[in-house]
């Protein structure tokens, strides 16, 4: 048994190292001086770290402008999803109404639609509304239900809450709104943290949406600004990796903040 434990632990460490190797390579490259970029044999971390690569990268493209745009879009999506998705999920889970299961099946079937199918019709809708070259096409959809998968995850969590608890609250005179805000939401912190993490990473790393709807460079988010930086200064790999590292930091910080709820949310949404 001890040998089996050692083997499993060794395999886990190897897999973890393989997954983290590109991340370490990116950080190491961001610290390399120009003389070590093409050194052979290649090294992960430089002998003489050059921290000025970060300053040079920040001076070559408007990082803080792109950062501000990414924060606006991401926070807008987080607020929209956390407001709308629990409302929709509560209606599908705890309120009985005619056609509920059918509409829920239709909503889940929409997940199977490729994005390319709806891309042009949605673009034409936003064009008619005059929303092109604004953040609205990237934020407003989050307020219209929060996405089918987010609704599905919250609904599955709501289904694990006994109906007897809600009936007891109704006997005490609580309305559906009071039950939702006083009982359902406080109990839903793990799954809300889970979808917050998914929404944050999806919005922060969204490249296609800004590429389609935003044309002004001063409105680019980091996900779109980074490829532009690479196309202009791609030969400066150390500075490009420094910019990529700065772009990645908010996602890593948010993950470490939410990891406790992430694990708990996965367990609770996967078990009934």
Protein backbone atom coordinates (compact mmCIF):
# COMPACT_ATOMS: atom_id res chain seq x y z
CA UNK A 1 0.00 0.00 0.00
CA UNK A 2 2.83 2.37 0.80
CA UNK A 3 4.46 1.75 -2.58
CA UNK A 4 1.11 2.36 -4.30
CA UNK A 5 0.75 5.66 -2.44
CA UNK A 6 4.26 6.72 -3.48
CA UNK A 7 3.52 5.83 -7.12
CA UNK A 8 0.26 7.79 -7.13
CA UNK A 9 1.88 10.80 -5.53
CA UNK A 10 4.76 10.71 -8.02
CA UNK A 11 2.35 10.54 -10.96
CA UNK A 12 0.38 13.47 -9.55
CA UNK A 13 3.54 15.55 -9.14
CA UNK A 14 4.64 14.75 -12.70
CA UNK A 15 1.25 15.73 -14.13
CA UNK A 16 1.22 18.95 -12.08
CA UNK A 17 4.72 19.83 -13.29
CA UNK A 18 3.72 19.23 -16.92
CA UNK A 19 0.72 21.55 -16.58
CA UNK A 20 2.73 24.26 -14.81
CA UNK A 21 5.77 24.07 -17.10
CA UNK A 22 4.37 26.51 -19.72
CA UNK A 23 3.51 28.96 -16.93
CA UNK A 24 7.03 28.76 -15.48
CA UNK A 25 8.49 29.05 -18.98
CA UNK A 26 6.47 32.23 -19.61
CA UNK A 27 7.63 33.83 -16.35
CA UNK A 28 11.22 32.76 -16.99
CA UNK A 29 11.18 34.16 -20.53
CA UNK A 30 9.73 37.44 -19.26
CA UNK A 31 12.82 37.86 -17.04
CA UNK A 32 15.44 36.95 -19.64
CA UNK A 33 17.73 39.65 -21.04
CA UNK A 34 18.04 39.83 -24.82
CA UNK A 35 21.33 37.93 -24.74
CA UNK A 36 19.70 34.84 -23.20
CA UNK A 37 16.59 34.64 -25.36
CA UNK A 38 18.11 32.38 -28.01
CA UNK A 39 20.70 30.70 -25.80
CA UNK A 40 21.38 27.01 -26.39
CA UNK A 41 20.63 24.84 -24.57
CA UNK A 42 17.54 26.79 -23.52
CA UNK A 43 16.85 27.45 -19.85
CA UNK A 44 13.60 28.03 -17.99
CA UNK A 45 14.87 30.74 -15.66
CA UNK A 46 17.66 33.21 -16.55
CA UNK A 47 20.90 33.52 -14.67
CA UNK A 48 20.57 37.31 -14.51
CA UNK A 49 16.88 38.31 -14.34
CA UNK A 50 16.03 41.51 -16.16
CA UNK A 51 13.02 43.10 -14.47
CA UNK A 52 13.09 46.05 -16.86
CA UNK A 53 11.25 43.89 -19.43
CA UNK A 54 8.03 44.62 -17.56
CA UNK A 55 8.63 48.36 -17.67
CA UNK A 56 9.47 48.19 -21.39
CA UNK A 57 6.32 46.18 -22.10
CA UNK A 58 4.13 48.67 -20.23
CA UNK A 59 5.67 51.55 -22.17
CA UNK A 60 5.04 49.94 -25.55
CA UNK A 61 1.29 49.42 -25.28
CA UNK A 62 -1.52 51.02 -23.21
CA UNK A 63 -1.73 48.20 -20.68
CA UNK A 64 -3.70 50.14 -18.08
CA UNK A 65 -6.27 51.30 -20.66
CA UNK A 66 -6.78 47.71 -21.76
CA UNK A 67 -6.88 46.64 -18.11
CA UNK A 68 -9.59 49.19 -17.33
CA UNK A 69 -11.68 47.98 -20.29
CA UNK A 70 -11.28 44.35 -19.23
CA UNK A 71 -12.35 45.20 -15.67
CA UNK A 72 -15.45 47.05 -16.90
CA UNK A 73 -16.51 44.17 -19.15
CA UNK A 74 -15.74 41.46 -16.60
CA UNK A 75 -17.47 43.19 -13.67
CA UNK A 76 -20.47 43.91 -15.89
CA UNK A 77 -20.71 40.23 -16.79
CA UNK A 78 -20.31 39.14 -13.17
CA UNK A 79 -23.09 41.46 -12.00
CA UNK A 80 -25.38 40.41 -14.84
CA UNK A 81 -24.89 36.69 -14.31
CA UNK A 82 -25.20 36.84 -10.52
CA UNK A 83 -28.42 38.87 -10.79
CA UNK A 84 -30.23 37.07 -13.61
CA UNK A 85 -29.09 33.43 -13.47
CA UNK A 86 -30.34 32.71 -9.90
CA UNK A 87 -33.75 34.26 -10.73
CA UNK A 88 -34.15 32.05 -13.81
CA UNK A 89 -32.88 28.97 -12.00
CA UNK A 90 -35.34 29.56 -9.12
CA UNK A 91 -38.21 29.73 -11.59
CA UNK A 92 -37.15 26.46 -13.20
CA UNK A 93 -36.54 24.70 -9.88
CA UNK A 94 -39.00 25.83 -7.19
CA UNK A 95 -41.98 27.36 -8.99
CA UNK A 96 -44.46 25.06 -10.75
CA UNK A 97 -45.86 26.45 -13.98
CA UNK A 98 -47.12 24.99 -17.23
CA UNK A 99 -44.41 24.25 -19.80
CA UNK A 100 -41.55 24.63 -17.31
CA UNK A 101 -39.76 21.40 -18.21
CA UNK A 102 -40.25 21.96 -21.94
CA UNK A 103 -38.76 25.47 -21.85
CA UNK A 104 -35.91 24.24 -19.70
CA UNK A 105 -35.15 21.55 -22.30
CA UNK A 106 -35.24 24.19 -25.04
CA UNK A 107 -32.85 26.37 -23.08
CA UNK A 108 -30.42 23.50 -22.58
CA UNK A 109 -30.69 22.56 -26.27
CA UNK A 110 -29.40 26.04 -27.12
CA UNK A 111 -26.04 24.97 -25.70
CA UNK A 112 -25.59 22.69 -28.70
CA UNK A 113 -25.87 25.59 -31.16
CA UNK A 114 -22.42 26.51 -32.54
CA UNK A 115 -21.47 30.12 -31.99
CA UNK A 116 -20.88 30.56 -35.72
CA UNK A 117 -24.59 29.93 -36.40
CA UNK A 118 -25.79 32.87 -34.30
CA UNK A 119 -22.83 35.18 -34.88
CA UNK A 120 -24.17 37.05 -37.92
CA UNK A 121 -27.82 37.41 -36.75
CA UNK A 122 -26.67 38.69 -33.34
CA UNK A 123 -24.23 41.09 -35.00
CA UNK A 124 -27.05 42.50 -37.17
CA UNK A 125 -29.25 42.96 -34.10
CA UNK A 126 -26.55 44.92 -32.29
CA UNK A 127 -25.91 46.96 -35.42
CA UNK A 128 -29.59 47.92 -35.61
CA UNK A 129 -29.49 48.91 -31.95
CA UNK A 130 -26.42 51.08 -32.54
CA UNK A 131 -24.33 49.14 -30.03
CA UNK A 132 -21.30 48.48 -32.22
CA UNK A 133 -17.98 49.81 -30.89
CA UNK A 134 -19.40 49.87 -27.35
CA UNK A 135 -19.20 47.52 -24.38
CA UNK A 136 -22.97 46.84 -24.46
CA UNK A 137 -22.85 43.72 -26.71
CA UNK A 138 -20.30 42.23 -24.29
CA UNK A 139 -22.23 43.05 -21.09
CA UNK A 140 -25.99 43.21 -21.73
CA UNK A 141 -26.43 39.49 -22.66
CA UNK A 142 -25.24 38.56 -19.16
CA UNK A 143 -28.35 40.29 -17.74
CA UNK A 144 -30.69 38.21 -19.93
CA UNK A 145 -30.58 34.94 -18.02
CA UNK A 146 -26.88 34.55 -17.37
CA UNK A 147 -26.29 31.71 -19.83
CA UNK A 148 -27.80 28.23 -20.06
CA UNK A 149 -24.98 26.41 -18.26
CA UNK A 150 -25.02 28.86 -15.34
CA UNK A 151 -28.77 28.43 -14.99
CA UNK A 152 -28.35 24.66 -15.16
CA UNK A 153 -25.73 24.59 -12.39
CA UNK A 154 -27.74 26.82 -10.06
CA UNK A 155 -30.96 24.89 -10.77
CA UNK A 156 -29.25 21.61 -9.90
CA UNK A 157 -28.12 23.17 -6.64
CA UNK A 158 -31.58 24.54 -5.88
CA UNK A 159 -33.02 21.06 -6.45
CA UNK A 160 -30.94 19.77 -3.51
CA UNK A 161 -32.69 22.21 -1.13
CA UNK A 162 -35.74 20.47 0.42
CA UNK A 163 -39.12 21.84 -0.64
CA UNK A 164 -40.28 21.39 2.96
CA UNK A 165 -38.01 24.29 3.95
CA UNK A 166 -39.73 26.55 1.44
CA UNK A 167 -43.20 25.36 2.46
CA UNK A 168 -42.41 26.15 6.10
CA UNK A 169 -41.38 29.66 5.06
CA UNK A 170 -44.62 30.10 3.07
CA UNK A 171 -46.66 29.00 6.10
CA UNK A 172 -44.91 31.76 8.07
CA UNK A 173 -46.09 34.22 5.42
CA UNK A 174 -42.94 34.55 3.30
CA UNK A 175 -43.39 35.43 -0.37
CA UNK A 176 -41.36 33.88 -3.18
CA UNK A 177 -39.14 36.96 -3.29
CA UNK A 178 -38.45 36.75 0.43
CA UNK A 179 -37.75 33.01 0.17
CA UNK A 180 -35.38 33.67 -2.73
CA UNK A 181 -33.41 36.41 -0.98
CA UNK A 182 -33.51 35.12 2.59
CA UNK A 183 -33.17 31.36 2.07
CA UNK A 184 -32.05 30.37 -1.43
CA UNK A 185 -29.31 32.93 -2.05
CA UNK A 186 -27.56 32.56 1.34
CA UNK A 187 -27.47 28.78 0.85
CA UNK A 188 -26.15 29.16 -2.70
CA UNK A 189 -22.77 30.77 -1.98
CA UNK A 190 -20.71 27.76 -3.20
CA UNK A 191 -22.42 27.45 -6.58
CA UNK A 192 -22.49 31.25 -7.04
CA UNK A 193 -18.74 31.32 -6.42
CA UNK A 194 -18.34 28.54 -8.98
CA UNK A 195 -20.20 30.35 -11.74
CA UNK A 196 -18.45 33.59 -10.77
CA UNK A 197 -15.11 31.94 -11.48
CA UNK A 198 -16.34 30.54 -14.81
CA UNK A 199 -17.81 33.92 -15.77
CA UNK A 200 -14.67 35.80 -14.74
CA UNK A 201 -12.30 33.60 -16.74
CA UNK A 202 -14.64 33.46 -19.75
CA UNK A 203 -15.14 37.22 -19.85
CA UNK A 204 -11.52 38.11 -19.05
CA UNK A 205 -10.19 35.84 -21.81
CA UNK A 206 -12.93 36.60 -24.34
CA UNK A 207 -11.24 37.36 -27.66
CA UNK A 208 -13.90 36.76 -30.34
CA UNK A 209 -16.53 39.10 -28.85
CA UNK A 210 -14.34 42.24 -28.67
CA UNK A 211 -12.83 41.39 -32.06
CA UNK A 212 -16.31 41.45 -33.65
CA UNK A 213 -17.96 44.36 -31.87
CA UNK A 214 -15.15 46.76 -30.93
CA UNK A 215 -13.19 48.74 -33.52
CA UNK A 216 -11.64 51.59 -31.48
CA UNK A 217 -8.26 50.59 -30.09
CA UNK A 218 -8.79 52.62 -26.91
CA UNK A 219 -11.70 50.29 -26.08
CA UNK A 220 -9.78 47.04 -26.50
CA UNK A 221 -9.68 44.68 -23.51
CA UNK A 222 -6.47 42.84 -22.63
CA UNK A 223 -7.57 39.70 -24.46
CA UNK A 224 -7.63 41.69 -27.72
CA UNK A 225 -4.80 44.08 -26.92
CA UNK A 226 -2.28 41.29 -26.24
CA UNK A 227 -2.43 39.80 -29.78
CA UNK A 228 -1.99 43.32 -31.15
CA UNK A 229 1.10 43.71 -28.99
CA UNK A 230 2.43 40.34 -30.20
CA UNK A 231 1.90 41.27 -33.84
CA UNK A 232 3.85 44.52 -33.39
CA UNK A 233 6.58 43.43 -30.97
CA UNK A 234 6.58 39.66 -31.36
CA UNK A 235 10.34 39.56 -31.88
CA UNK A 236 10.81 40.86 -28.31
CA UNK A 237 9.75 37.61 -26.68
CA UNK A 238 10.87 38.64 -23.22
CA UNK A 239 8.71 41.78 -23.29
CA UNK A 240 5.80 39.90 -24.87
CA UNK A 241 5.92 37.29 -22.10
CA UNK A 242 6.11 40.07 -19.51
CA UNK A 243 2.89 41.56 -20.91
CA UNK A 244 1.28 38.09 -20.97
CA UNK A 245 2.26 37.50 -17.33
CA UNK A 246 0.69 40.79 -16.27
CA UNK A 247 -2.47 39.83 -18.16
CA UNK A 248 -2.63 36.48 -16.39
CA UNK A 249 -2.17 37.78 -12.83
CA UNK A 250 -5.84 38.85 -12.19
CA UNK A 251 -7.12 35.42 -13.24
CA UNK A 252 -4.67 33.63 -10.93
CA UNK A 253 -5.53 35.93 -8.01
CA UNK A 254 -9.28 35.43 -8.52
CA UNK A 255 -8.81 31.67 -8.71
CA UNK A 256 -6.93 31.50 -5.43
CA UNK A 257 -9.59 33.65 -3.75
CA UNK A 258 -12.43 31.45 -5.02
CA UNK A 259 -10.77 28.01 -4.94
CA UNK A 260 -12.37 27.02 -1.62
CA UNK A 261 -15.85 27.71 -2.92
CA UNK A 262 -14.92 26.28 -6.32
CA UNK A 263 -14.20 22.81 -4.92
CA UNK A 264 -17.25 22.94 -2.64
CA UNK A 265 -19.46 24.10 -5.49
CA UNK A 266 -18.33 21.30 -7.77
CA UNK A 267 -19.12 18.73 -5.08
CA UNK A 268 -22.53 20.16 -4.26
CA UNK A 269 -23.65 20.58 -7.87
CA UNK A 270 -22.48 17.09 -8.78
CA UNK A 271 -24.22 15.30 -5.89
CA UNK A 272 -27.91 15.33 -4.99
